[in-house]
Structures are given as structure tokens and as C-alpha cells.
Amino acid sequence: MRKNVLFRGCTRPAMFLGVPYMPFAIAAGACLLLTFYINMFFLALLPVVIMVMRQMARRDEMIFRLLGLRWMFRAKVRNIRHHNGMWVFTPNAYRDRIHDGARES
């Protein structure tokens, strides 16, 4: 039995200056907000942040997705009391559907 080939080009995120778009936008937006509200010298922090993010993405372009998943799993554990102290992560959000009125029985 032959396995299907996974083309890495299809799974690679879109990049800008060697950094995936969304992490780039978040970092640039954070630096610009700090510049507007605190001090102009935070604008000099932007190239440093982009270089650090580029070095991280050079080794693995999915690193920011992995960091986002780590943050989400640590921050969004609300169902421990419903499952006897176990962390349960499901891909479906049945609770949201019930509360939105989509499922009425």
C-alpha cells in the first residue's frame, strides 16, 4: 500500500519578511500601540522583534501555531469540574450551539 505524499508547500503559512502574517501583524500592532501611547522609542523595538521572530520561524515555520496552542490549552481550561478533574479538549463546541438556540429539543 502506497502512502499519500504530503506536500510541505501546501501546509506552510504565508510569510512576510520571513515571519508568518498573523504573528507579524500582532507584533507590529503591539509595537505601534506602545509607540502611540507611551514613547516613540518603542518603534525602535520593531526591527528587533521581527528579527527574533524570523530566527524562530527559520527553524520551524509552525512555531507560532504551536505557541498559540500551548497558550490556549493553558489559559482555556474551564471544563475541569465537569470531567472529574481531567482536562478534556474537544474540537466541537456543543455548548455554544445549545446556548445559541440552534439545538432546541
PDB file of N, CA and C in Angstrom:
ATOM      1  N   MET A   1       0.839  -1.178   0.000  1.00  0.00           N
ATOM      2  CA  MET A   1       0.000   0.000   0.000  1.00  0.00           C
ATOM      3  C   MET A   1       0.888   1.247   0.000  1.00  0.00           C
ATOM      4  N   ARG A   2       0.617   2.161  -0.909  1.00  0.00           N
ATOM      5  CA  ARG A   2       1.401   3.385  -1.003  1.00  0.00           C
ATOM      6  C   ARG A   2       0.762   4.477  -0.165  1.00  0.00           C
ATOM      7  N   LYS A   3       1.593   5.218   0.513  1.00  0.00           N
ATOM      8  CA  LYS A   3       1.101   6.340   1.303  1.00  0.00           C
ATOM      9  C   LYS A   3       1.015   7.586   0.433  1.00  0.00           C
ATOM     10  N   ASN A   4       0.090   8.440   0.759  1.00  0.00           N
ATOM     11  CA  ASN A   4      -0.028   9.707   0.039  1.00  0.00           C
ATOM     12  C   ASN A   4       1.112  10.629   0.451  1.00  0.00           C
ATOM     13  N   VAL A   5       1.600  11.367  -0.494  1.00  0.00           N
ATOM     14  CA  VAL A   5       2.694  12.294  -0.241  1.00  0.00           C
ATOM     15  C   VAL A   5       2.111  13.596   0.302  1.00  0.00           C
ATOM     16  N   LEU A   6       2.695  14.103   1.371  1.00  0.00           N
ATOM     17  CA  LEU A   6       2.285  15.387   1.922  1.00  0.00           C
ATOM     18  C   LEU A   6       3.219  16.455   1.364  1.00  0.00           C
ATOM     19  N   PHE A   7       2.672  17.366   0.619  1.00  0.00           N
ATOM     20  CA  PHE A   7       3.469  18.445   0.057  1.00  0.00           C
ATOM     21  C   PHE A   7       3.590  19.550   1.097  1.00  0.00           C
ATOM     22  N   ARG A   8       4.808  19.787   1.558  1.00  0.00           N
ATOM     23  CA  ARG A   8       5.042  20.768   2.612  1.00  0.00           C
ATOM     24  C   ARG A   8       4.678  22.184   2.180  1.00  0.00           C
ATOM     25  N   GLY A   9       4.733  22.448   0.907  1.00  0.00           N
ATOM     26  CA  GLY A   9       4.371  23.772   0.425  1.00  0.00           C
ATOM     27  C   GLY A   9       2.903  24.091   0.641  1.00  0.00           C
ATOM     28  N   CYS A  10       2.077  23.076   0.726  1.00  0.00           N
ATOM     29  CA  CYS A  10       0.643  23.290   0.937  1.00  0.00           C
ATOM     30  C   CYS A  10       0.311  23.587   2.396  1.00  0.00           C
ATOM     31  N   THR A  11       1.172  23.178   3.323  1.00  0.00           N
ATOM     32  CA  THR A  11       0.892  23.386   4.742  1.00  0.00           C
ATOM     33  C   THR A  11       1.643  24.579   5.307  1.00  0.00           C
ATOM     34  N   ARG A  12       2.486  25.183   4.528  1.00  0.00           N
ATOM     35  CA  ARG A  12       3.306  26.286   5.017  1.00  0.00           C
ATOM     36  C   ARG A  12       2.479  27.564   5.112  1.00  0.00           C
ATOM     37  N   PRO A  13       2.609  28.322   6.211  1.00  0.00           N
ATOM     38  CA  PRO A  13       1.837  29.564   6.335  1.00  0.00           C
ATOM     39  C   PRO A  13       2.403  30.669   5.439  1.00  0.00           C
ATOM     40  N   ALA A  14       1.562  31.631   5.117  1.00  0.00           N
ATOM     41  CA  ALA A  14       2.002  32.784   4.327  1.00  0.00           C
ATOM     42  C   ALA A  14       2.953  33.624   5.172  1.00  0.00           C
ATOM     43  N   MET A  15       4.054  34.059   4.550  1.00  0.00           N
ATOM     44  CA  MET A  15       5.099  34.767   5.293  1.00  0.00           C
ATOM     45  C   MET A  15       5.291  36.180   4.756  1.00  0.00           C
ATOM     46  N   PHE A  16       5.709  37.063   5.645  1.00  0.00           N
ATOM     47  CA  PHE A  16       6.090  38.426   5.290  1.00  0.00           C
ATOM     48  C   PHE A  16       7.377  38.731   6.040  1.00  0.00           C
ATOM     49  N   LEU A  17       8.443  39.033   5.320  1.00  0.00           N
ATOM     50  CA  LEU A  17       9.775  39.249   5.893  1.00  0.00           C
ATOM     51  C   LEU A  17      10.258  38.039   6.690  1.00  0.00           C
ATOM     52  N   GLY A  18       9.852  36.850   6.284  1.00  0.00           N
ATOM     53  CA  GLY A  18      10.293  35.632   6.949  1.00  0.00           C
ATOM     54  C   GLY A  18       9.510  35.269   8.191  1.00  0.00           C
ATOM     55  N   VAL A  19       8.423  35.996   8.462  1.00  0.00           N
ATOM     56  CA  VAL A  19       7.588  35.752   9.641  1.00  0.00           C
ATOM     57  C   VAL A  19       6.162  35.505   9.153  1.00  0.00           C
ATOM     58  N   PRO A  20       5.440  34.541   9.718  1.00  0.00           N
ATOM     59  CA  PRO A  20       4.039  34.350   9.322  1.00  0.00           C
ATOM     60  C   PRO A  20       3.219  35.626   9.532  1.00  0.00           C
ATOM     61  N   TYR A  21       2.212  35.816   8.671  1.00  0.00           N
ATOM     62  CA  TYR A  21       1.453  37.074   8.660  1.00  0.00           C
ATOM     63  C   TYR A  21       0.831  37.450  10.003  1.00  0.00           C
ATOM     64  N   MET A  22       0.099  36.549  10.605  1.00  0.00           N
ATOM     65  CA  MET A  22      -0.629  36.907  11.824  1.00  0.00           C
ATOM     66  C   MET A  22       0.301  37.251  12.986  1.00  0.00           C
ATOM     67  N   PRO A  23       1.333  36.456  13.288  1.00  0.00           N
ATOM     68  CA  PRO A  23       2.254  36.886  14.344  1.00  0.00           C
ATOM     69  C   PRO A  23       2.951  38.206  14.014  1.00  0.00           C
ATOM     70  N   PHE A  24       3.246  38.430  12.727  1.00  0.00           N
ATOM     71  CA  PHE A  24       3.853  39.698  12.327  1.00  0.00           C
ATOM     72  C   PHE A  24       2.901  40.858  12.604  1.00  0.00           C
ATOM     73  N   ALA A  25       1.637  40.689  12.240  1.00  0.00           N
ATOM     74  CA  ALA A  25       0.656  41.759  12.450  1.00  0.00           C
ATOM     75  C   ALA A  25       0.449  42.027  13.938  1.00  0.00           C
ATOM     76  N   ILE A  26       0.413  40.982  14.735  1.00  0.00           N
ATOM     77  CA  ILE A  26       0.221  41.158  16.178  1.00  0.00           C
ATOM     78  C   ILE A  26       1.424  41.872  16.794  1.00  0.00           C
ATOM     79  N   ALA A  27       2.640  41.457  16.430  1.00  0.00           N
ATOM     80  CA  ALA A  27       3.844  42.084  16.987  1.00  0.00           C
ATOM     81  C   ALA A  27       3.978  43.531  16.518  1.00  0.00           C
ATOM     82  N   ALA A  28       3.740  43.779  15.231  1.00  0.00           N
ATOM     83  CA  ALA A  28       3.837  45.148  14.719  1.00  0.00           C
ATOM     84  C   ALA A  28       2.762  46.030  15.346  1.00  0.00           C
ATOM     85  N   GLY A  29       1.557  45.499  15.493  1.00  0.00           N
ATOM     86  CA  GLY A  29       0.487  46.266  16.128  1.00  0.00           C
ATOM     87  C   GLY A  29       0.793  46.588  17.579  1.00  0.00           C
ATOM     88  N   ALA A  30       1.365  45.625  18.301  1.00  0.00           N
ATOM     89  CA  ALA A  30       1.717  45.869  19.703  1.00  0.00           C
ATOM     90  C   ALA A  30       2.805  46.936  19.808  1.00  0.00           C
ATOM     91  N   CYS A  31       3.817  46.861  18.944  1.00  0.00           N
ATOM     92  CA  CYS A  31       4.876  47.879  18.968  1.00  0.00           C
ATOM     93  C   CYS A  31       4.333  49.257  18.597  1.00  0.00           C
ATOM     94  N   LEU A  32       3.441  49.308  17.619  1.00  0.00           N
ATOM     95  CA  LEU A  32       2.866  50.600  17.234  1.00  0.00           C
ATOM     96  C   LEU A  32       1.976  51.173  18.335  1.00  0.00           C
ATOM     97  N   LEU A  33       1.206  50.327  18.999  1.00  0.00           N
ATOM     98  CA  LEU A  33       0.382  50.825  20.104  1.00  0.00           C
ATOM     99  C   LEU A  33       1.245  51.345  21.247  1.00  0.00           C
ATOM    100  N   LEU A  34       2.321  50.630  21.569  1.00  0.00           N
ATOM    101  CA  LEU A  34       3.234  51.129  22.598  1.00  0.00           C
ATOM    102  C   LEU A  34       3.857  52.453  22.172  1.00  0.00           C
ATOM    103  N   THR A  35       4.158  52.592  20.889  1.00  0.00           N
ATOM    104  CA  THR A  35       4.725  53.838  20.379  1.00  0.00           C
ATOM    105  C   THR A  35       3.737  54.987  20.511  1.00  0.00           C
ATOM    106  N   PHE A  36       2.483  54.750  20.155  1.00  0.00           N
ATOM    107  CA  PHE A  36       1.483  55.816  20.203  1.00  0.00           C
ATOM    108  C   PHE A  36       1.172  56.249  21.628  1.00  0.00           C
ATOM    109  N   TYR A  37       1.080  55.291  22.534  1.00  0.00           N
ATOM    110  CA  TYR A  37       0.595  55.612  23.872  1.00  0.00           C
ATOM    111  C   TYR A  37       1.688  55.882  24.895  1.00  0.00           C
ATOM    112  N   ILE A  38       2.900  55.392  24.683  1.00  0.00           N
ATOM    113  CA  ILE A  38       3.923  55.553  25.715  1.00  0.00           C
ATOM    114  C   ILE A  38       5.073  56.430  25.231  1.00  0.00           C
ATOM    115  N   ASN A  39       5.838  55.932  24.224  1.00  0.00           N
ATOM    116  CA  ASN A  39       7.033  56.653  23.835  1.00  0.00           C
ATOM    117  C   ASN A  39       7.425  56.263  22.410  1.00  0.00           C
ATOM    118  N   MET A  40       8.043  57.184  21.690  1.00  0.00           N
ATOM    119  CA  MET A  40       8.459  56.922  20.311  1.00  0.00           C
ATOM    120  C   MET A  40       9.589  55.904  20.217  1.00  0.00           C
ATOM    121  N   PHE A  41      10.316  55.703  21.309  1.00  0.00           N
ATOM    122  CA  PHE A  41      11.449  54.779  21.271  1.00  0.00           C
ATOM    123  C   PHE A  41      11.011  53.319  21.150  1.00  0.00           C
ATOM    124  N   PHE A  42       9.752  53.024  21.404  1.00  0.00           N
ATOM    125  CA  PHE A  42       9.264  51.654  21.221  1.00  0.00           C
ATOM    126  C   PHE A  42       9.202  51.276  19.743  1.00  0.00           C
ATOM    127  N   LEU A  43       9.219  52.266  18.870  1.00  0.00           N
ATOM    128  CA  LEU A  43       9.247  51.979  17.437  1.00  0.00           C
ATOM    129  C   LEU A  43      10.575  51.335  17.033  1.00  0.00           C
ATOM    130  N   ALA A  44      11.642  51.646  17.770  1.00  0.00           N
ATOM    131  CA  ALA A  44      12.940  51.019  17.506  1.00  0.00           C
ATOM    132  C   ALA A  44      12.944  49.553  17.912  1.00  0.00           C
ATOM    133  N   LEU A  45      11.976  49.142  18.692  1.00  0.00           N
ATOM    134  CA  LEU A  45      11.869  47.752  19.123  1.00  0.00           C
ATOM    135  C   LEU A  45      11.332  46.850  18.013  1.00  0.00           C
ATOM    136  N   LEU A  46      10.637  47.425  17.045  1.00  0.00           N
ATOM    137  CA  LEU A  46      10.002  46.639  15.983  1.00  0.00           C
ATOM    138  C   LEU A  46      10.995  45.822  15.147  1.00  0.00           C
ATOM    139  N   PRO A  47      12.107  46.380  14.653  1.00  0.00           N
ATOM    140  CA  PRO A  47      13.044  45.537  13.895  1.00  0.00           C
ATOM    141  C   PRO A  47      13.654  44.411  14.728  1.00  0.00           C
ATOM    142  N   VAL A  48      13.882  44.662  16.006  1.00  0.00           N
ATOM    143  CA  VAL A  48      14.434  43.623  16.882  1.00  0.00           C
ATOM    144  C   VAL A  48      13.430  42.489  17.044  1.00  0.00           C
ATOM    145  N   VAL A  49      12.174  42.839  17.245  1.00  0.00           N
ATOM    146  CA  VAL A  49      11.129  41.824  17.394  1.00  0.00           C
ATOM    147  C   VAL A  49      10.991  41.012  16.107  1.00  0.00           C
ATOM    148  N   ILE A  50      11.039  41.676  14.972  1.00  0.00           N
ATOM    149  CA  ILE A  50      10.923  40.965  13.693  1.00  0.00           C
ATOM    150  C   ILE A  50      12.119  40.040  13.479  1.00  0.00           C
ATOM    151  N   MET A  51      13.321  40.479  13.848  1.00  0.00           N
ATOM    152  CA  MET A  51      14.490  39.609  13.695  1.00  0.00           C
ATOM    153  C   MET A  51      14.398  38.377  14.594  1.00  0.00           C
ATOM    154  N   VAL A  52      13.939  38.555  15.819  1.00  0.00           N
ATOM    155  CA  VAL A  52      13.785  37.410  16.726  1.00  0.00           C
ATOM    156  C   VAL A  52      12.733  36.450  16.184  1.00  0.00           C
ATOM    157  N   MET A  53      11.623  36.996  15.713  1.00  0.00           N
ATOM    158  CA  MET A  53      10.571  36.138  15.160  1.00  0.00           C
ATOM    159  C   MET A  53      11.049  35.442  13.888  1.00  0.00           C
ATOM    160  N   ARG A  54      11.853  36.109  13.085  1.00  0.00           N
ATOM    161  CA  ARG A  54      12.392  35.494  11.872  1.00  0.00           C
ATOM    162  C   ARG A  54      13.309  34.327  12.221  1.00  0.00           C
ATOM    163  N   GLN A  55      14.133  34.492  13.263  1.00  0.00           N
ATOM    164  CA  GLN A  55      15.008  33.396  13.687  1.00  0.00           C
ATOM    165  C   GLN A  55      14.195  32.209  14.201  1.00  0.00           C
ATOM    166  N   MET A  56      13.115  32.492  14.912  1.00  0.00           N
ATOM    167  CA  MET A  56      12.250  31.411  15.388  1.00  0.00           C
ATOM    168  C   MET A  56      11.589  30.701  14.218  1.00  0.00           C
ATOM    169  N   ALA A  57      11.123  31.456  13.234  1.00  0.00           N
ATOM    170  CA  ALA A  57      10.426  30.868  12.090  1.00  0.00           C
ATOM    171  C   ALA A  57      11.390  30.205  11.114  1.00  0.00           C
ATOM    172  N   ARG A  58      12.650  30.567  11.147  1.00  0.00           N
ATOM    173  CA  ARG A  58      13.619  29.932  10.256  1.00  0.00           C
ATOM    174  C   ARG A  58      13.798  28.460  10.623  1.00  0.00           C
ATOM    175  N   ARG A  59      13.771  28.184  11.910  1.00  0.00           N
ATOM    176  CA  ARG A  59      13.933  26.796  12.355  1.00  0.00           C
ATOM    177  C   ARG A  59      12.663  25.982  12.124  1.00  0.00           C
ATOM    178  N   ASP A  60      11.506  26.564  12.448  1.00  0.00           N
ATOM    179  CA  ASP A  60      10.229  25.878  12.259  1.00  0.00           C
ATOM    180  C   ASP A  60       9.171  26.941  11.990  1.00  0.00           C
ATOM    181  N   GLU A  61       8.567  26.910  10.797  1.00  0.00           N
ATOM    182  CA  GLU A  61       7.597  27.951  10.444  1.00  0.00           C
ATOM    183  C   GLU A  61       6.274  27.797  11.184  1.00  0.00           C
ATOM    184  N   MET A  62       6.036  26.652  11.804  1.00  0.00           N
ATOM    185  CA  MET A  62       4.801  26.437  12.561  1.00  0.00           C
ATOM    186  C   MET A  62       4.965  26.734  14.051  1.00  0.00           C
ATOM    187  N   ILE A  63       6.078  27.326  14.450  1.00  0.00           N
ATOM    188  CA  ILE A  63       6.357  27.543  15.866  1.00  0.00           C
ATOM    189  C   ILE A  63       5.311  28.444  16.518  1.00  0.00           C
ATOM    190  N   PHE A  64       4.795  29.409  15.792  1.00  0.00           N
ATOM    191  CA  PHE A  64       3.829  30.322  16.389  1.00  0.00           C
ATOM    192  C   PHE A  64       2.473  29.650  16.575  1.00  0.00           C
ATOM    193  N   ARG A  65       2.126  28.706  15.708  1.00  0.00           N
ATOM    194  CA  ARG A  65       0.909  27.921  15.926  1.00  0.00           C
ATOM    195  C   ARG A  65       1.055  27.048  17.158  1.00  0.00           C
ATOM    196  N   LEU A  66       2.233  26.452  17.318  1.00  0.00           N
ATOM    197  CA  LEU A  66       2.468  25.621  18.496  1.00  0.00           C
ATOM    198  C   LEU A  66       2.430  26.451  19.773  1.00  0.00           C
ATOM    199  N   LEU A  67       3.023  27.635  19.742  1.00  0.00           N
ATOM    200  CA  LEU A  67       2.974  28.510  20.914  1.00  0.00           C
ATOM    201  C   LEU A  67       1.549  28.968  21.206  1.00  0.00           C
ATOM    202  N   GLY A  68       0.775  29.228  20.154  1.00  0.00           N
ATOM    203  CA  GLY A  68      -0.624  29.607  20.346  1.00  0.00           C
ATOM    204  C   GLY A  68      -1.444  28.479  20.940  1.00  0.00           C
ATOM    205  N   LEU A  69      -1.202  27.254  20.489  1.00  0.00           N
ATOM    206  CA  LEU A  69      -1.900  26.109  21.073  1.00  0.00           C
ATOM    207  C   LEU A  69      -1.509  25.911  22.525  1.00  0.00           C
ATOM    208  N   ARG A  70      -0.227  26.074  22.833  1.00  0.00           N
ATOM    209  CA  ARG A  70       0.211  25.941  24.223  1.00  0.00           C
ATOM    210  C   ARG A  70      -0.478  26.981  25.104  1.00  0.00           C
ATOM    211  N   TRP A  71      -0.544  28.216  24.617  1.00  0.00           N
ATOM    212  CA  TRP A  71      -1.194  29.276  25.385  1.00  0.00           C
ATOM    213  C   TRP A  71      -2.683  28.989  25.552  1.00  0.00           C
ATOM    214  N   MET A  72      -3.330  28.529  24.477  1.00  0.00           N
ATOM    215  CA  MET A  72      -4.759  28.258  24.537  1.00  0.00           C
ATOM    216  C   MET A  72      -5.065  27.122  25.509  1.00  0.00           C
ATOM    217  N   PHE A  73      -4.266  26.071  25.477  1.00  0.00           N
ATOM    218  CA  PHE A  73      -4.533  24.937  26.351  1.00  0.00           C
ATOM    219  C   PHE A  73      -4.251  25.266  27.808  1.00  0.00           C
ATOM    220  N   ARG A  74      -3.342  26.167  28.079  1.00  0.00           N
ATOM    221  CA  ARG A  74      -3.082  26.548  29.470  1.00  0.00           C
ATOM    222  C   ARG A  74      -4.087  27.569  29.977  1.00  0.00           C
ATOM    223  N   ALA A  75      -4.566  28.422  29.115  1.00  0.00           N
ATOM    224  CA  ALA A  75      -5.431  29.515  29.545  1.00  0.00           C
ATOM    225  C   ALA A  75      -6.912  29.166  29.486  1.00  0.00           C
ATOM    226  N   LYS A  76      -7.303  28.207  28.663  1.00  0.00           N
ATOM    227  CA  LYS A  76      -8.713  27.989  28.396  1.00  0.00           C
ATOM    228  C   LYS A  76      -9.211  26.649  28.935  1.00  0.00           C
ATOM    229  N   VAL A  77      -8.840  26.314  30.156  1.00  0.00           N
ATOM    230  CA  VAL A  77      -9.272  25.056  30.745  1.00  0.00           C
ATOM    231  C   VAL A  77     -10.401  25.386  31.715  1.00  0.00           C
ATOM    232  N   ARG A  78     -11.629  25.303  31.218  1.00  0.00           N
ATOM    233  CA  ARG A  78     -12.782  25.640  32.044  1.00  0.00           C
ATOM    234  C   ARG A  78     -13.642  24.431  32.374  1.00  0.00           C
ATOM    235  N   ASN A  79     -13.350  23.292  31.779  1.00  0.00           N
ATOM    236  CA  ASN A  79     -14.234  22.153  31.948  1.00  0.00           C
ATOM    237  C   ASN A  79     -13.688  21.107  32.910  1.00  0.00           C
ATOM    238  N   ILE A  80     -12.774  21.475  33.782  1.00  0.00           N
ATOM    239  CA  ILE A  80     -12.199  20.512  34.718  1.00  0.00           C
ATOM    240  C   ILE A  80     -13.258  20.003  35.680  1.00  0.00           C
ATOM    241  N   ARG A  81     -14.114  20.861  36.154  1.00  0.00           N
ATOM    242  CA  ARG A  81     -15.104  20.428  37.150  1.00  0.00           C
ATOM    243  C   ARG A  81     -16.174  19.523  36.553  1.00  0.00           C
ATOM    244  N   HIS A  82     -16.363  19.549  35.242  1.00  0.00           N
ATOM    245  CA  HIS A  82     -17.374  18.702  34.608  1.00  0.00           C
ATOM    246  C   HIS A  82     -16.877  17.293  34.324  1.00  0.00           C
ATOM    247  N   HIS A  83     -15.557  17.090  34.320  1.00  0.00           N
ATOM    248  CA  HIS A  83     -14.998  15.795  33.930  1.00  0.00           C
ATOM    249  C   HIS A  83     -14.123  15.203  35.026  1.00  0.00           C
ATOM    250  N   ASN A  84     -14.500  15.372  36.270  1.00  0.00           N
ATOM    251  CA  ASN A  84     -13.803  14.787  37.425  1.00  0.00           C
ATOM    252  C   ASN A  84     -12.327  15.166  37.485  1.00  0.00           C
ATOM    253  N   GLY A  85     -12.015  16.410  37.246  1.00  0.00           N
ATOM    254  CA  GLY A  85     -10.652  16.902  37.370  1.00  0.00           C
ATOM    255  C   GLY A  85      -9.755  16.644  36.182  1.00  0.00           C
ATOM    256  N   MET A  86     -10.281  16.107  35.092  1.00  0.00           N
ATOM    257  CA  MET A  86      -9.462  15.843  33.904  1.00  0.00           C
ATOM    258  C   MET A  86      -9.628  16.976  32.901  1.00  0.00           C
ATOM    259  N   TRP A  87      -8.556  17.277  32.197  1.00  0.00           N
ATOM    260  CA  TRP A  87      -8.624  18.253  31.124  1.00  0.00           C
ATOM    261  C   TRP A  87      -9.148  17.553  29.891  1.00  0.00           C
ATOM    262  N   VAL A  88     -10.188  18.081  29.297  1.00  0.00           N
ATOM    263  CA  VAL A  88     -10.774  17.491  28.103  1.00  0.00           C
ATOM    264  C   VAL A  88     -10.824  18.569  27.029  1.00  0.00           C
ATOM    265  N   PHE A  89     -10.181  18.313  25.901  1.00  0.00           N
ATOM    266  CA  PHE A  89     -10.179  19.245  24.783  1.00  0.00           C
ATOM    267  C   PHE A  89     -10.882  18.578  23.617  1.00  0.00           C
ATOM    268  N   THR A  90     -11.950  19.180  23.142  1.00  0.00           N
ATOM    269  CA  THR A  90     -12.693  18.623  22.021  1.00  0.00           C
ATOM    270  C   THR A  90     -12.693  19.631  20.873  1.00  0.00           C
ATOM    271  N   PRO A  91     -12.750  19.159  19.647  1.00  0.00           N
ATOM    272  CA  PRO A  91     -12.771  20.087  18.517  1.00  0.00           C
ATOM    273  C   PRO A  91     -14.133  20.725  18.296  1.00  0.00           C
ATOM    274  N   ASN A  92     -15.159  20.205  18.938  1.00  0.00           N
ATOM    275  CA  ASN A  92     -16.513  20.719  18.738  1.00  0.00           C
ATOM    276  C   ASN A  92     -16.941  21.542  19.939  1.00  0.00           C
ATOM    277  N   ALA A  93     -17.721  22.567  19.689  1.00  0.00           N
ATOM    278  CA  ALA A  93     -18.225  23.422  20.763  1.00  0.00           C
ATOM    279  C   ALA A  93     -19.733  23.219  20.868  1.00  0.00           C
ATOM    280  N   TYR A  94     -20.137  22.105  21.455  1.00  0.00           N
ATOM    281  CA  TYR A  94     -21.557  21.814  21.558  1.00  0.00           C
ATOM    282  C   TYR A  94     -22.268  22.786  22.489  1.00  0.00           C
ATOM    283  N   ARG A  95     -21.582  23.239  23.503  1.00  0.00           N
ATOM    284  CA  ARG A  95     -22.194  24.146  24.461  1.00  0.00           C
ATOM    285  C   ARG A  95     -22.623  25.447  23.783  1.00  0.00           C
ATOM    286  N   ASP A  96     -21.798  25.972  22.889  1.00  0.00           N
ATOM    287  CA  ASP A  96     -22.142  27.210  22.195  1.00  0.00           C
ATOM    288  C   ASP A  96     -23.376  27.027  21.320  1.00  0.00           C
ATOM    289  N   ARG A  97     -23.507  25.866  20.699  1.00  0.00           N
ATOM    290  CA  ARG A  97     -24.667  25.622  19.853  1.00  0.00           C
ATOM    291  C   ARG A  97     -25.945  25.562  20.680  1.00  0.00           C
ATOM    292  N   ILE A  98     -25.880  24.947  21.826  1.00  0.00           N
ATOM    293  CA  ILE A  98     -27.071  24.830  22.664  1.00  0.00           C
ATOM    294  C   ILE A  98     -27.497  26.206  23.160  1.00  0.00           C
ATOM    295  N   HIS A  99     -26.533  27.025  23.575  1.00  0.00           N
ATOM    296  CA  HIS A  99     -26.871  28.338  24.104  1.00  0.00           C
ATOM    297  C   HIS A  99     -27.285  29.322  23.018  1.00  0.00           C
ATOM    298  N   ASP A 100     -26.865  29.096  21.783  1.00  0.00           N
ATOM    299  CA  ASP A 100     -27.275  29.976  20.693  1.00  0.00           C
ATOM    300  C   ASP A 100     -28.682  29.667  20.205  1.00  0.00           C
ATOM    301  N   GLY A 101     -29.256  28.567  20.652  1.00  0.00           N
ATOM    302  CA  GLY A 101     -30.605  28.220  20.237  1.00  0.00           C
ATOM    303  C   GLY A 101     -30.655  27.397  18.976  1.00  0.00           C
ATOM    304  N   ALA A 102     -29.510  26.924  18.482  1.00  0.00           N
ATOM    305  CA  ALA A 102     -29.506  26.124  17.262  1.00  0.00           C
ATOM    306  C   ALA A 102     -30.118  24.748  17.502  1.00  0.00           C
ATOM    307  N   ARG A 103     -29.951  24.232  18.706  1.00  0.00           N
ATOM    308  CA  ARG A 103     -30.493  22.921  19.028  1.00  0.00           C
ATOM    309  C   ARG A 103     -31.607  23.103  20.067  1.00  0.00           C
ATOM    310  N   GLU A 104     -32.810  22.973  19.640  1.00  0.00           N
ATOM    311  CA  GLU A 104     -33.950  23.106  20.544  1.00  0.00           C
ATOM    312  C   GLU A 104     -34.705  21.800  20.557  1.00  0.00           C
ATOM    313  N   SER A 105     -34.753  21.163  21.722  1.00  0.00           N
ATOM    314  CA  SER A 105     -35.495  19.916  21.814  1.00  0.00           C
ATOM    315  C   SER A 105     -36.326  19.863  23.066  1.00  0.00           C
TER     316      SER A 105
END
